[in-house]
Protein backbone atom coordinates (compact mmCIF):
# COMPACT_ATOMS: atom_id res chain seq x y z
CA UNK A 1 130.08 -171.12 66.18
CA UNK A 2 130.56 -168.33 63.82
CA UNK A 3 132.96 -169.56 61.10
CA UNK A 4 134.41 -165.89 60.58
CA UNK A 5 136.29 -167.59 64.20
CA UNK A 6 137.74 -170.05 62.44
CA UNK A 7 138.58 -168.44 58.97
CA UNK A 8 140.28 -165.35 60.83
CA UNK A 9 142.36 -169.03 63.41
CA UNK A 10 143.05 -170.03 59.79
CA UNK A 11 144.49 -166.58 58.96
CA UNK A 12 146.20 -165.93 62.46
CA UNK A 13 147.76 -169.48 62.47
CA UNK A 14 148.51 -169.44 58.87
CA UNK A 15 150.56 -165.79 58.83
CA UNK A 16 151.95 -166.94 61.98
CA UNK A 17 153.68 -169.92 59.82
CA UNK A 18 154.91 -167.44 57.02
CA UNK A 19 157.13 -165.81 59.84
CA UNK A 20 158.40 -168.91 61.44
CA UNK A 21 159.23 -170.48 58.52
CA UNK A 22 161.14 -166.63 57.10
CA UNK A 23 163.03 -167.04 60.55
CA UNK A 24 164.20 -170.03 59.63
CA UNK A 25 165.70 -169.26 56.72
CA UNK A 26 166.65 -166.62 57.15
CA UNK A 27 168.85 -168.95 60.48
CA UNK A 28 169.73 -170.73 56.82
CA UNK A 29 171.01 -167.82 55.00
CA UNK A 30 173.37 -166.90 57.51
CA UNK A 31 175.11 -170.18 58.47
CA UNK A 32 178.36 -171.24 56.48
CA UNK A 33 178.13 -173.67 54.12
CA UNK A 34 181.07 -175.62 54.06
CA UNK A 35 181.33 -179.29 54.11
CA UNK A 36 179.56 -180.45 50.92
CA UNK A 37 178.90 -183.00 51.96
CA UNK A 38 175.91 -181.18 54.15
CA UNK A 39 173.18 -181.15 51.80
CA UNK A 40 170.23 -178.03 52.03
CA UNK A 41 167.04 -180.13 52.32
CA UNK A 42 168.85 -181.33 55.54
CA UNK A 43 170.18 -177.85 56.96
CA UNK A 44 166.45 -176.91 57.10
CA UNK A 45 165.20 -179.78 59.29
CA UNK A 46 167.54 -178.76 61.86
CA UNK A 47 165.85 -175.06 62.04
CA UNK A 48 162.96 -174.96 65.09
CA UNK A 49 161.31 -172.21 63.41
CA UNK A 50 160.42 -174.10 60.06
CA UNK A 51 158.64 -176.52 62.26
CA UNK A 52 156.93 -174.73 64.00
CA UNK A 53 156.35 -173.05 60.48
CA UNK A 54 154.91 -175.84 59.18
CA UNK A 55 153.03 -176.93 62.06
CA UNK A 56 151.57 -173.49 62.10
CA UNK A 57 150.24 -173.99 58.84
CA UNK A 58 148.90 -177.12 59.19
CA UNK A 59 147.00 -176.15 62.21
CA UNK A 60 145.61 -173.17 59.86
CA UNK A 61 144.26 -176.38 57.56
CA UNK A 62 143.25 -178.15 60.53
CA UNK A 63 140.59 -174.38 61.07
CA UNK A 64 140.28 -173.73 57.25
CA UNK A 65 138.68 -177.32 56.53
CA UNK A 66 136.59 -176.99 59.80
CA UNK A 67 135.44 -173.11 57.83
CA UNK A 68 134.94 -174.97 55.16
CA UNK A 69 132.43 -177.06 56.50
CA UNK A 70 129.24 -174.35 57.62
CA UNK A 71 130.59 -171.26 55.51
CA UNK A 72 130.44 -172.08 50.85
CA UNK A 73 133.85 -171.33 49.45
CA UNK A 74 133.11 -167.83 47.68
CA UNK A 75 132.07 -166.34 50.97
CA UNK A 76 135.04 -168.13 53.29
CA UNK A 77 137.87 -168.03 50.87
CA UNK A 78 138.86 -164.10 49.95
CA UNK A 79 138.96 -163.55 53.54
CA UNK A 80 142.41 -165.52 52.92
CA UNK A 81 143.75 -161.43 51.15
CA UNK A 82 143.66 -160.73 55.03
CA UNK A 83 146.80 -163.10 55.12
CA UNK A 84 148.42 -160.59 52.05
CA UNK A 85 148.13 -157.90 55.16
CA UNK A 86 149.48 -159.38 58.50
CA UNK A 87 151.82 -161.20 56.26
CA UNK A 88 153.46 -157.38 55.08
CA UNK A 89 153.00 -156.39 58.49
CA UNK A 90 154.68 -158.62 60.71
CA UNK A 91 157.93 -158.90 58.00
CA UNK A 92 157.91 -155.32 58.15
CA UNK A 93 157.96 -154.99 62.06
CA UNK A 94 160.19 -158.69 62.50
CA UNK A 95 161.99 -158.94 59.92
CA UNK A 96 162.61 -155.21 58.69
CA UNK A 97 161.44 -155.49 55.44
CA UNK A 98 160.64 -152.23 53.44
CA UNK A 99 157.00 -151.62 52.73
CA UNK A 100 156.69 -149.67 50.11
CA UNK A 101 154.45 -146.61 49.06
CA UNK A 102 152.67 -149.27 46.31
CA UNK A 103 152.73 -151.98 47.95
CA UNK A 104 151.07 -149.83 51.41
CA UNK A 105 148.47 -149.19 48.39
CA UNK A 106 148.37 -152.22 47.41
CA UNK A 107 146.92 -153.74 50.38
CA UNK A 108 144.37 -150.20 51.26
CA UNK A 109 142.74 -151.64 47.29
CA UNK A 110 143.16 -155.31 49.27
CA UNK A 111 141.49 -154.02 52.84
CA UNK A 112 139.03 -152.73 50.63
CA UNK A 113 138.24 -155.38 48.97
CA UNK A 114 137.72 -157.60 52.20
CA UNK A 115 135.28 -154.80 52.89
CA UNK A 116 132.86 -155.86 49.95
CA UNK A 117 132.71 -158.17 49.90
CA UNK A 118 131.60 -158.94 53.67
CA UNK A 119 129.23 -156.79 53.33
CA UNK A 120 127.81 -158.37 50.97
C-alpha cells in the first residue's frame, strides 16, 4: 500500500490525540482543587478525554511505524508538519482559540514547504 496512506493515518490520529488531550486538560483546569491530598496526576487520570488522547497517540505511532517500514524517513518525516496546520485549525474550531495573521502566515509557509517536498 502507498506509504502516504500510513503517514496520513498517523497524522490524523496524532491530530485527534492532541485535541483530546487539550479537551481533557481544559476540564481539569476548570475543576476546583479543594482537596490538598489529591495530586494533579490523579486528577488527570480521571479524565476520559486524556485516556482517549493517549490511546490515539499510540495508534498514530503504530501507523507511523508502518509508514517508516516502507518509506524513507527523509520522505515521510516532512509530512508530519501537516500537524502544524491541522492542530491549530482544530483548536480554533473546537476551543475557539485565535489564529493570528502571523500564525496563519506561518501555516501557509509550512504548507508550501510540504508541497515542495511532496513534489520533489
